[in-house]
């Protein structure tokens, strides 16, 4: 027995409002699934047998370059609860379709801190492990415990721990070997009881200082992060964007040293392996792209790292702008920029 809007499986559905860049695209077949029976019903439908599949959440990390010729599954699994507690931590689970920011604020209001630096990141809980989202000195992987996913090839439920997920910088198993194969239904986080504020990131520290807060609570750090993000980043509800569009590149020590000779003011961050992480936004800004447009797509005027759709853009327009920025940064600095979003198809 299934629930939800009938019919569960729909043909020829617009995806324009289901991606935050607001790019035009259509799905040959579409289903919004909110429980296991609904998913099973859709996957067993002979009309979509053998077709490619795309799993989406809030569409905030997606670049649709054209129509999708297969089945698009939108994750709508909900629910959130504390599932376990020991002497050292709370274990909190949320459905893959839960709104990420709402979930973060709920954990803080319940007295389970740890995720506050990831406040106001758009998207869903189920998408967070795919991208290993991160911001202001914290990556999701640091508090990840496990997840439950459905294998779309075998139809089986599979559990993943942290090692299984192979988390990297804005990367995971689900973007590599497992790409397109799994639907993440629920994620469990381990939130240590011995909480320590993570307020060393410059923008957050500055915001807290302006407010006169020397010893911030988790909610105060969350509020500071929200204030910083709202000042620097565009709201997808107001202007189409996919958040930070490029990863901060990590370069070898020799490359880093060479760049510092030419650009001593360049921000960089030493890595444990001796390499250095560069600020992609700074590189793009220095290449002259901040606030610049190429047709209907351009870099946001307050943050060069964000590409925005000024209206009427297509996936091809986004690709063209992306490639132009990459070429200019490569020519000026000899550094390759890698996009964060997933390009489909």
Protein backbone atom coordinates (compact mmCIF):
# COMPACT_ATOMS: atom_id res chain seq x y z
CA UNK A 1 0.00 0.00 0.00
CA UNK A 2 1.36 3.43 -0.89
CA UNK A 3 0.63 6.95 0.25
CA UNK A 4 1.07 10.38 -1.23
CA UNK A 5 -0.26 12.11 -4.30
CA UNK A 6 -1.65 9.77 -6.97
CA UNK A 7 -0.35 8.76 -9.38
CA UNK A 8 2.93 8.01 -7.65
CA UNK A 9 4.86 7.70 -10.90
CA UNK A 10 4.36 10.60 -13.32
CA UNK A 11 5.64 11.09 -16.89
CA UNK A 12 7.20 14.21 -18.39
CA UNK A 13 7.61 16.33 -15.24
CA UNK A 14 9.25 19.77 -15.11
CA UNK A 15 12.29 20.02 -12.85
CA UNK A 16 12.56 23.81 -13.11
CA UNK A 17 11.39 24.41 -9.52
CA UNK A 18 13.26 21.39 -8.15
CA UNK A 19 16.77 22.77 -8.62
CA UNK A 20 17.95 25.93 -6.88
CA UNK A 21 19.73 27.25 -9.97
CA UNK A 22 16.25 27.31 -11.57
CA UNK A 23 17.50 25.68 -14.76
CA UNK A 24 14.92 24.36 -17.22
CA UNK A 25 14.76 20.59 -17.57
CA UNK A 26 12.21 17.79 -17.67
CA UNK A 27 12.24 14.25 -16.34
CA UNK A 28 10.92 11.44 -18.52
CA UNK A 29 9.52 9.95 -15.30
CA UNK A 30 9.29 11.38 -11.79
CA UNK A 31 8.30 10.09 -8.35
CA UNK A 32 8.41 11.64 -4.90
CA UNK A 33 9.00 8.80 -2.44
CA UNK A 34 8.38 9.13 1.28
CA UNK A 35 8.68 5.52 2.48
CA UNK A 36 10.07 2.15 1.46
CA UNK A 37 6.83 0.77 -0.01
CA UNK A 38 6.48 3.77 -2.32
CA UNK A 39 10.05 3.35 -3.52
CA UNK A 40 9.55 -0.37 -4.11
CA UNK A 41 6.36 0.26 -6.07
CA UNK A 42 8.10 2.75 -8.36
CA UNK A 43 11.17 0.60 -8.96
CA UNK A 44 9.02 -2.40 -9.85
CA UNK A 45 6.98 -0.46 -12.40
CA UNK A 46 7.77 -1.92 -15.87
CA UNK A 47 7.51 1.53 -17.48
CA UNK A 48 10.82 2.58 -15.88
CA UNK A 49 12.62 -0.75 -16.10
CA UNK A 50 16.17 -0.31 -17.37
CA UNK A 51 16.02 3.49 -17.43
CA UNK A 52 18.74 5.65 -15.85
CA UNK A 53 17.91 7.01 -12.39
CA UNK A 54 18.62 10.27 -10.64
CA UNK A 55 18.08 10.82 -6.92
CA UNK A 56 17.48 14.41 -5.79
CA UNK A 57 16.77 16.14 -2.50
CA UNK A 58 16.40 19.91 -2.48
CA UNK A 59 18.25 20.29 -5.78
CA UNK A 60 20.74 22.71 -4.21
CA UNK A 61 23.88 21.00 -5.52
CA UNK A 62 22.69 20.20 -9.00
CA UNK A 63 23.37 21.57 -12.49
CA UNK A 64 20.81 20.26 -14.97
CA UNK A 65 22.37 20.53 -18.40
CA UNK A 66 19.32 19.15 -20.20
CA UNK A 67 16.29 16.88 -19.91
CA UNK A 68 16.77 13.66 -17.94
CA UNK A 69 15.80 10.62 -20.04
CA UNK A 70 15.04 8.33 -17.11
CA UNK A 71 13.50 8.23 -13.63
CA UNK A 72 14.01 11.08 -11.15
CA UNK A 73 13.40 10.08 -7.53
CA UNK A 74 12.87 12.90 -5.05
CA UNK A 75 13.64 11.82 -1.47
CA UNK A 76 10.88 12.74 0.95
CA UNK A 77 11.66 10.44 3.91
CA UNK A 78 10.97 12.43 7.08
CA UNK A 79 11.28 12.08 10.83
CA UNK A 80 13.90 13.04 13.39
CA UNK A 81 14.70 11.64 16.80
CA UNK A 82 17.37 10.84 19.35
CA UNK A 83 17.92 7.12 18.88
CA UNK A 84 20.66 6.45 21.41
CA UNK A 85 22.75 8.01 24.15
CA UNK A 86 25.87 6.93 25.96
CA UNK A 87 28.22 8.57 28.45
CA UNK A 88 30.00 10.48 25.70
CA UNK A 89 27.47 11.40 23.02
CA UNK A 90 23.93 11.76 21.73
CA UNK A 91 23.02 9.84 18.57
CA UNK A 92 20.45 11.70 16.49
CA UNK A 93 18.76 10.40 13.33
CA UNK A 94 16.87 12.26 10.61
CA UNK A 95 15.08 11.19 7.46
CA UNK A 96 16.85 11.87 4.17
CA UNK A 97 14.14 14.30 3.09
CA UNK A 98 14.41 16.54 6.16
CA UNK A 99 15.49 20.12 5.48
CA UNK A 100 19.11 20.36 6.65
CA UNK A 101 18.99 23.77 8.33
CA UNK A 102 15.75 22.98 10.16
CA UNK A 103 17.34 19.77 11.42
CA UNK A 104 20.45 21.60 12.65
CA UNK A 105 18.41 24.19 14.53
CA UNK A 106 16.24 21.44 16.05
CA UNK A 107 19.31 19.63 17.42
CA UNK A 108 20.49 22.87 19.02
CA UNK A 109 17.10 23.63 20.52
CA UNK A 110 17.01 20.12 21.96
CA UNK A 111 20.39 20.65 23.62
CA UNK A 112 22.47 18.45 21.28
CA UNK A 113 25.12 20.78 19.82
CA UNK A 114 27.82 20.06 17.28
CA UNK A 115 26.35 20.97 13.89
CA UNK A 116 25.94 24.71 14.51
CA UNK A 117 28.69 25.74 12.07
CA UNK A 118 26.71 24.09 9.27
CA UNK A 119 23.65 26.27 9.82
CA UNK A 120 21.76 27.68 6.82
CA UNK A 121 23.37 25.34 4.29
CA UNK A 122 20.62 24.62 1.75
CA UNK A 123 19.52 21.10 0.90
CA UNK A 124 18.41 17.98 2.69
CA UNK A 125 19.83 15.64 5.31
CA UNK A 126 20.13 12.83 2.76
CA UNK A 127 22.24 14.98 0.46
CA UNK A 128 24.65 16.05 3.20
CA UNK A 129 26.77 12.86 3.21
CA UNK A 130 26.93 12.77 -0.60
CA UNK A 131 28.69 16.13 -0.68
CA UNK A 132 30.22 15.89 2.80
CA UNK A 133 29.01 19.43 3.29
CA UNK A 134 31.22 21.80 5.22
CA UNK A 135 31.52 25.41 6.27
CA UNK A 136 33.25 27.67 8.78
CA UNK A 137 35.75 25.14 10.05
CA UNK A 138 33.55 22.05 10.17
CA UNK A 139 32.80 19.15 7.84
CA UNK A 140 29.72 16.98 8.28
CA UNK A 141 31.93 13.87 8.38
CA UNK A 142 33.25 14.91 11.79
CA UNK A 143 29.89 14.15 13.40
CA UNK A 144 28.61 11.49 11.00
CA UNK A 145 27.89 8.08 12.54
CA UNK A 146 25.97 5.97 10.01
CA UNK A 147 23.29 6.00 7.34
CA UNK A 148 20.67 3.73 5.83
CA UNK A 149 20.27 3.65 2.08
CA UNK A 150 18.39 1.70 -0.57
CA UNK A 151 20.42 0.05 -3.29
CA UNK A 152 18.52 0.92 -6.46
CA UNK A 153 20.17 -1.95 -8.34
CA UNK A 154 19.44 -4.77 -5.91
CA UNK A 155 16.46 -3.33 -4.04
CA UNK A 156 18.13 -4.10 -0.72
CA UNK A 157 18.57 -1.87 2.33
CA UNK A 158 22.23 -1.18 3.06
CA UNK A 159 23.91 0.32 6.10
CA UNK A 160 27.01 2.53 5.81
CA UNK A 161 29.40 3.59 8.54
CA UNK A 162 31.92 6.38 8.26
CA UNK A 163 34.60 4.22 6.66
CA UNK A 164 32.16 2.89 4.07
CA UNK A 165 31.33 6.43 2.99
CA UNK A 166 34.96 7.26 2.12
CA UNK A 167 34.50 10.93 2.95
CA UNK A 168 36.85 13.48 1.42
CA UNK A 169 36.80 17.21 0.85
CA UNK A 170 33.32 17.80 -0.62
CA UNK A 171 33.42 14.18 -1.68
CA UNK A 172 32.24 10.70 -0.74
CA UNK A 173 31.65 7.18 -2.01
CA UNK A 174 28.25 8.42 -3.21
CA UNK A 175 29.89 10.82 -5.67
CA UNK A 176 32.42 8.25 -6.84
CA UNK A 177 31.93 4.45 -7.06
CA UNK A 178 28.41 4.64 -5.63
CA UNK A 179 27.20 7.52 -7.80
CA UNK A 180 23.57 7.14 -8.84
CA UNK A 181 23.13 3.77 -7.17
CA UNK A 182 21.82 4.62 -3.69
CA UNK A 183 18.93 6.54 -2.18
CA UNK A 184 19.81 7.74 1.33
CA UNK A 185 16.76 7.28 3.54
CA UNK A 186 18.12 8.25 6.97
CA UNK A 187 21.32 9.57 8.54
CA UNK A 188 22.53 9.24 12.14
CA UNK A 189 24.91 11.73 13.73
CA UNK A 190 27.08 11.37 16.82
CA UNK A 191 27.07 14.63 18.80
CA UNK A 192 29.61 14.63 21.67
CA UNK A 193 28.43 15.77 25.07
CA UNK A 194 31.80 17.42 25.73
CA UNK A 195 31.02 20.31 23.40
CA UNK A 196 33.71 22.81 22.45
CA UNK A 197 32.96 25.96 20.46
CA UNK A 198 34.37 26.05 16.95
CA UNK A 199 34.50 29.80 16.48
CA UNK A 200 37.98 30.33 15.08
CA UNK A 201 36.91 30.96 11.50
CA UNK A 202 37.60 34.63 10.80
CA UNK A 203 34.13 35.69 9.66
CA UNK A 204 32.38 33.92 12.54
CA UNK A 205 34.86 35.22 15.12
CA UNK A 206 34.40 38.75 13.79
CA UNK A 207 30.61 38.47 13.96
CA UNK A 208 30.74 37.25 17.56
CA UNK A 209 33.16 40.04 18.47
CA UNK A 210 30.85 42.66 16.97
CA UNK A 211 28.07 41.28 19.12
CA UNK A 212 30.29 41.36 22.20
CA UNK A 213 30.12 37.61 22.73
CA UNK A 214 33.33 36.22 24.23
CA UNK A 215 32.03 32.82 25.29
CA UNK A 216 29.40 31.79 22.72
CA UNK A 217 26.76 29.14 23.17
CA UNK A 218 26.00 26.72 20.32
CA UNK A 219 22.92 28.74 19.36
CA UNK A 220 24.93 31.96 19.34
CA UNK A 221 27.48 30.40 16.97
CA UNK A 222 24.62 29.24 14.77
CA UNK A 223 23.16 32.74 14.78
CA UNK A 224 26.56 34.19 13.87
CA UNK A 225 26.97 31.74 10.99
CA UNK A 226 23.48 32.59 9.74
CA UNK A 227 24.26 36.31 9.85
CA UNK A 228 27.52 35.84 7.93
CA UNK A 229 25.93 33.62 5.29
CA UNK A 230 23.03 36.01 4.75
CA UNK A 231 25.43 38.90 4.20
CA UNK A 232 27.71 37.07 1.81
CA UNK A 233 25.54 34.55 -0.03
CA UNK A 234 22.40 34.95 -2.15
CA UNK A 235 19.12 33.37 -1.08
CA UNK A 236 18.12 30.68 -3.66
CA UNK A 237 14.50 31.76 -3.16
CA UNK A 238 15.39 35.19 -4.51
CA UNK A 239 18.02 34.45 -7.15
CA UNK A 240 18.91 31.09 -8.65
CA UNK A 241 22.20 29.65 -7.38
CA UNK A 242 23.79 26.44 -6.15
CA UNK A 243 25.86 27.93 -3.33
CA UNK A 244 29.64 27.68 -3.57
CA UNK A 245 30.27 26.54 -7.12
CA UNK A 246 33.96 25.62 -6.93
CA UNK A 247 35.99 23.64 -4.42
CA UNK A 248 38.89 25.35 -2.70
CA UNK A 249 41.86 23.86 -4.59
CA UNK A 250 44.57 22.01 -2.68
CA UNK A 251 48.02 22.44 -4.24
CA UNK A 252 51.45 20.98 -3.69
CA UNK A 253 53.90 22.83 -1.42
CA UNK A 254 56.07 23.83 -4.39
CA UNK A 255 53.11 25.36 -6.21
CA UNK A 256 52.03 27.13 -3.04
CA UNK A 257 55.52 28.62 -2.54
CA UNK A 258 55.66 29.81 -6.15
CA UNK A 259 52.27 31.49 -5.88
CA UNK A 260 53.17 33.24 -2.61
CA UNK A 261 56.21 34.81 -4.24
CA UNK A 262 53.98 36.35 -6.90
CA UNK A 263 50.98 36.97 -4.65
CA UNK A 264 52.11 37.36 -1.00
CA UNK A 265 48.63 38.56 -0.01
CA UNK A 266 47.00 35.33 -1.22
CA UNK A 267 45.04 33.56 1.54
CA UNK A 268 46.06 29.94 2.03
CA UNK A 269 45.69 27.23 4.64
CA UNK A 270 48.36 24.60 5.43
CA UNK A 271 47.21 20.98 5.22
CA UNK A 272 48.44 18.06 7.36
CA UNK A 273 50.15 16.44 4.36
CA UNK A 274 52.24 19.51 3.60
CA UNK A 275 50.05 20.81 0.81
CA UNK A 276 48.06 24.04 1.01
CA UNK A 277 44.40 24.85 0.44
CA UNK A 278 43.72 28.02 -1.52
CA UNK A 279 40.62 30.21 -1.43
CA UNK A 280 38.82 29.65 -4.73
CA UNK A 281 36.75 32.78 -4.22
CA UNK A 282 39.90 34.92 -3.96
CA UNK A 283 41.38 33.39 -7.10
CA UNK A 284 38.16 34.02 -9.04
CA UNK A 285 37.92 37.57 -7.72
CA UNK A 286 41.52 38.30 -8.73
CA UNK A 287 40.79 36.92 -12.19
CA UNK A 288 38.18 39.68 -12.54
CA UNK A 289 35.01 37.64 -12.20
CA UNK A 290 33.37 39.00 -9.05
CA UNK A 291 30.10 40.60 -10.13
CA UNK A 292 30.83 39.84 -13.79
CA UNK A 293 28.26 38.23 -16.08
CA UNK A 294 28.53 36.08 -19.15
CA UNK A 295 25.04 36.44 -20.57
CA UNK A 296 22.48 35.36 -17.97
CA UNK A 297 24.99 33.67 -15.63
CA UNK A 298 27.57 35.43 -13.50
CA UNK A 299 29.49 35.54 -10.25
CA UNK A 300 27.60 36.98 -7.32
CA UNK A 301 28.54 40.58 -6.54
CA UNK A 302 29.31 39.81 -2.89
CA UNK A 303 30.96 36.42 -3.30
CA UNK A 304 32.82 35.39 -6.43
CA UNK A 305 32.59 31.73 -5.49
CA UNK A 306 28.84 31.68 -6.21
CA UNK A 307 27.41 31.49 -9.73
CA UNK A 308 23.94 32.95 -10.09
CA UNK A 309 21.20 32.70 -12.68
CA UNK A 310 20.11 36.26 -13.44
CA UNK A 311 17.08 34.90 -15.27
CA UNK A 312 16.47 32.63 -18.22
CA UNK A 313 19.75 30.71 -17.97
CA UNK A 314 20.13 27.16 -19.24
CA UNK A 315 22.50 24.43 -18.18
CA UNK A 316 24.62 25.23 -21.23
CA UNK A 317 24.94 28.83 -20.03
CA UNK A 318 26.16 27.67 -16.61
CA UNK A 319 28.68 25.33 -18.24
CA UNK A 320 29.99 28.10 -20.48
CA UNK A 321 30.51 30.44 -17.53
CA UNK A 322 32.07 27.68 -15.45
CA UNK A 323 34.56 26.86 -18.21
CA UNK A 324 35.42 30.53 -18.78
CA UNK A 325 36.19 31.04 -15.08
CA UNK A 326 38.28 27.88 -14.95
CA UNK A 327 40.26 28.99 -18.00
CA UNK A 328 40.96 32.46 -16.58
CA UNK A 329 42.08 31.15 -13.18
CA UNK A 330 44.26 28.53 -14.85
CA UNK A 331 45.87 31.16 -17.08
CA UNK A 332 46.49 33.62 -14.24
CA UNK A 333 47.54 31.26 -11.44
CA UNK A 334 48.20 27.85 -13.01
CA UNK A 335 45.58 26.38 -10.67
CA UNK A 336 42.74 24.10 -11.78
CA UNK A 337 39.31 24.73 -10.25
CA UNK A 338 36.94 21.82 -9.72
CA UNK A 339 33.17 22.43 -9.54
CA UNK A 340 31.28 21.35 -6.41
CA UNK A 341 27.83 20.62 -7.91
CA UNK A 342 26.84 17.45 -9.71
CA UNK A 343 26.26 17.92 -13.44
CA UNK A 344 23.31 15.99 -14.91
CA UNK A 345 22.98 14.34 -17.32
